[in-house]
Amino acid sequence: MLSINLLTPHSIMEVLKSRFRQKRLNFDLTQEGLANKSGVSLGSIKRFESSGQISLDSLLKIAFVLECLDDFTNIANEKETSFSSIDELLKEKILKKRGTIK
């Protein structure tokens, strides 16, 4: 079966802004309360919840207050690769010594 990934940066932003808003409400915090606890400006929080736009630094501060900072430790992990032969393994190790221009 063909699997199509329809995730885009915009769609992920939409999901994140909704999830963070819901977490804020679950913690019974107003936007102003979250701003006070996190050190992120109220304007940044309002912009994030309406448009999804926020700096990484501010997002991590909010995640800390909303107790989901650990979720960010899995971002950009290297994926495990399986090899069917020693030749594939050796080829992969040789190619990974340096970056390549593609």
C-alpha atoms as a PDB file:
ATOM      1  CA  MET A   1       0.000   0.000   0.000  1.00  0.00           C
ATOM      2  CA  LEU A   2       1.272   3.458  -0.886  1.00  0.00           C
ATOM      3  CA  SER A   3       1.905   5.707   2.083  1.00  0.00           C
ATOM      4  CA  ILE A   4       1.825   9.437   1.439  1.00  0.00           C
ATOM      5  CA  ASN A   5       3.178  11.849   4.005  1.00  0.00           C
ATOM      6  CA  LEU A   6       1.114  15.038   3.910  1.00  0.00           C
ATOM      7  CA  LEU A   7       2.903  16.717   6.787  1.00  0.00           C
ATOM      8  CA  THR A   8       4.185  20.166   6.008  1.00  0.00           C
ATOM      9  CA  PRO A   9       5.839  22.740   8.249  1.00  0.00           C
ATOM     10  CA  HIS A  10       2.560  24.667   8.238  1.00  0.00           C
ATOM     11  CA  SER A  11       0.463  21.649   9.226  1.00  0.00           C
ATOM     12  CA  ILE A  12       2.841  20.808  12.066  1.00  0.00           C
ATOM     13  CA  MET A  13       2.677  24.434  13.260  1.00  0.00           C
ATOM     14  CA  GLU A  14      -1.112  24.188  13.305  1.00  0.00           C
ATOM     15  CA  VAL A  15      -1.002  21.008  15.378  1.00  0.00           C
ATOM     16  CA  LEU A  16       1.578  22.407  17.797  1.00  0.00           C
ATOM     17  CA  LYS A  17      -0.253  25.675  18.416  1.00  0.00           C
ATOM     18  CA  SER A  18      -3.462  23.754  19.163  1.00  0.00           C
ATOM     19  CA  ARG A  19      -1.735  21.253  21.446  1.00  0.00           C
ATOM     20  CA  PHE A  20       0.118  23.938  23.380  1.00  0.00           C
ATOM     21  CA  ARG A  21      -3.048  25.988  23.795  1.00  0.00           C
ATOM     22  CA  GLN A  22      -4.871  22.920  25.111  1.00  0.00           C
ATOM     23  CA  LYS A  23      -2.017  22.123  27.514  1.00  0.00           C
ATOM     24  CA  ARG A  24      -2.109  25.720  28.777  1.00  0.00           C
ATOM     25  CA  LEU A  25      -5.827  25.425  29.418  1.00  0.00           C
ATOM     26  CA  ASN A  26      -5.338  22.033  31.120  1.00  0.00           C
ATOM     27  CA  PHE A  27      -2.913  23.766  33.492  1.00  0.00           C
ATOM     28  CA  ASP A  28      -5.630  26.370  34.085  1.00  0.00           C
ATOM     29  CA  LEU A  29      -3.364  29.172  32.877  1.00  0.00           C
ATOM     30  CA  THR A  30      -4.337  32.278  31.006  1.00  0.00           C
ATOM     31  CA  GLN A  31      -2.035  33.528  28.282  1.00  0.00           C
ATOM     32  CA  GLU A  32      -0.869  36.193  30.722  1.00  0.00           C
ATOM     33  CA  GLY A  33      -0.247  33.587  33.424  1.00  0.00           C
ATOM     34  CA  LEU A  34       1.828  31.499  31.021  1.00  0.00           C
ATOM     35  CA  ALA A  35       3.766  34.601  30.021  1.00  0.00           C
ATOM     36  CA  ASN A  36       4.553  35.376  33.667  1.00  0.00           C
ATOM     37  CA  LYS A  37       5.629  31.816  34.482  1.00  0.00           C
ATOM     38  CA  SER A  38       7.681  31.278  31.326  1.00  0.00           C
ATOM     39  CA  GLY A  39       9.305  34.663  30.832  1.00  0.00           C
ATOM     40  CA  VAL A  40       7.946  34.742  27.276  1.00  0.00           C
ATOM     41  CA  SER A  41       6.167  37.957  26.330  1.00  0.00           C
ATOM     42  CA  LEU A  42       2.391  37.950  26.234  1.00  0.00           C
ATOM     43  CA  GLY A  43       2.550  39.121  22.615  1.00  0.00           C
ATOM     44  CA  SER A  44       4.682  36.127  21.653  1.00  0.00           C
ATOM     45  CA  ILE A  45       2.239  33.728  23.283  1.00  0.00           C
ATOM     46  CA  LYS A  46      -0.733  35.378  21.572  1.00  0.00           C
ATOM     47  CA  ARG A  47       1.065  35.254  18.209  1.00  0.00           C
ATOM     48  CA  PHE A  48       1.977  31.600  18.736  1.00  0.00           C
ATOM     49  CA  GLU A  49      -1.584  30.574  19.581  1.00  0.00           C
ATOM     50  CA  SER A  50      -3.027  32.485  16.636  1.00  0.00           C
ATOM     51  CA  SER A  51      -0.444  31.932  13.885  1.00  0.00           C
ATOM     52  CA  GLY A  52       1.948  29.250  15.157  1.00  0.00           C
ATOM     53  CA  GLN A  53       4.915  31.628  14.856  1.00  0.00           C
ATOM     54  CA  ILE A  54       7.362  31.549  17.799  1.00  0.00           C
ATOM     55  CA  SER A  55      11.094  31.409  18.392  1.00  0.00           C
ATOM     56  CA  LEU A  56      12.599  28.098  19.419  1.00  0.00           C
ATOM     57  CA  ASP A  57      13.853  29.650  22.664  1.00  0.00           C
ATOM     58  CA  SER A  58      10.350  30.830  23.582  1.00  0.00           C
ATOM     59  CA  LEU A  59       8.778  27.524  22.597  1.00  0.00           C
ATOM     60  CA  LEU A  60      11.177  25.633  24.851  1.00  0.00           C
ATOM     61  CA  LYS A  61      10.445  27.975  27.764  1.00  0.00           C
ATOM     62  CA  ILE A  62       6.721  27.391  27.324  1.00  0.00           C
ATOM     63  CA  ALA A  63       7.272  23.635  27.022  1.00  0.00           C
ATOM     64  CA  PHE A  64       9.181  23.700  30.323  1.00  0.00           C
ATOM     65  CA  VAL A  65       6.290  25.379  32.132  1.00  0.00           C
ATOM     66  CA  LEU A  66       3.753  23.042  30.522  1.00  0.00           C
ATOM     67  CA  GLU A  67       5.875  20.021  31.470  1.00  0.00           C
ATOM     68  CA  CYS A  68       6.502  18.771  27.952  1.00  0.00           C
ATOM     69  CA  LEU A  69      10.115  19.831  27.435  1.00  0.00           C
ATOM     70  CA  ASP A  70      11.244  16.187  27.349  1.00  0.00           C
ATOM     71  CA  ASP A  71       9.253  15.715  24.139  1.00  0.00           C
ATOM     72  CA  PHE A  72      11.865  17.793  22.320  1.00  0.00           C
ATOM     73  CA  THR A  73      14.674  15.340  23.069  1.00  0.00           C
ATOM     74  CA  ASN A  74      13.434  13.027  20.298  1.00  0.00           C
ATOM     75  CA  ILE A  75      13.572  15.625  17.543  1.00  0.00           C
ATOM     76  CA  ALA A  76      16.148  14.936  14.820  1.00  0.00           C
ATOM     77  CA  ASN A  77      17.294  11.606  16.246  1.00  0.00           C
ATOM     78  CA  GLU A  78      19.201   9.496  13.779  1.00  0.00           C
ATOM     79  CA  LYS A  79      17.094   6.720  12.383  1.00  0.00           C
ATOM     80  CA  GLU A  80      18.332   3.200  12.795  1.00  0.00           C
ATOM     81  CA  THR A  81      19.514   1.674   9.564  1.00  0.00           C
ATOM     82  CA  SER A  82      19.487  -2.018   8.827  1.00  0.00           C
ATOM     83  CA  PHE A  83      21.925  -3.586   6.430  1.00  0.00           C
ATOM     84  CA  SER A  84      21.537  -6.766   4.427  1.00  0.00           C
ATOM     85  CA  SER A  85      25.261  -7.252   3.909  1.00  0.00           C
ATOM     86  CA  ILE A  86      28.636  -6.222   5.298  1.00  0.00           C
ATOM     87  CA  ASP A  87      29.265  -4.386   2.014  1.00  0.00           C
ATOM     88  CA  GLU A  88      26.249  -2.109   2.631  1.00  0.00           C
ATOM     89  CA  LEU A  89      27.484  -1.402   6.164  1.00  0.00           C
ATOM     90  CA  LEU A  90      30.997  -0.557   4.974  1.00  0.00           C
ATOM     91  CA  LYS A  91      29.662   1.658   2.182  1.00  0.00           C
ATOM     92  CA  GLU A  92      27.468   3.564   4.682  1.00  0.00           C
ATOM     93  CA  LYS A  93      30.397   4.063   7.085  1.00  0.00           C
ATOM     94  CA  ILE A  94      32.606   5.381   4.269  1.00  0.00           C
ATOM     95  CA  LEU A  95      29.947   7.834   3.072  1.00  0.00           C
ATOM     96  CA  LYS A  96      29.257   9.174   6.565  1.00  0.00           C
ATOM     97  CA  LYS A  97      32.800  10.405   7.145  1.00  0.00           C
ATOM     98  CA  ARG A  98      31.933  13.737   5.531  1.00  0.00           C
ATOM     99  CA  GLY A  99      28.912  15.587   4.305  1.00  0.00           C
ATOM    100  CA  THR A 100      28.186  15.454   0.628  1.00  0.00           C
ATOM    101  CA  ILE A 101      26.648  17.921  -1.760  1.00  0.00           C
ATOM    102  CA  LYS A 102      23.551  16.508  -3.394  1.00  0.00           C
END
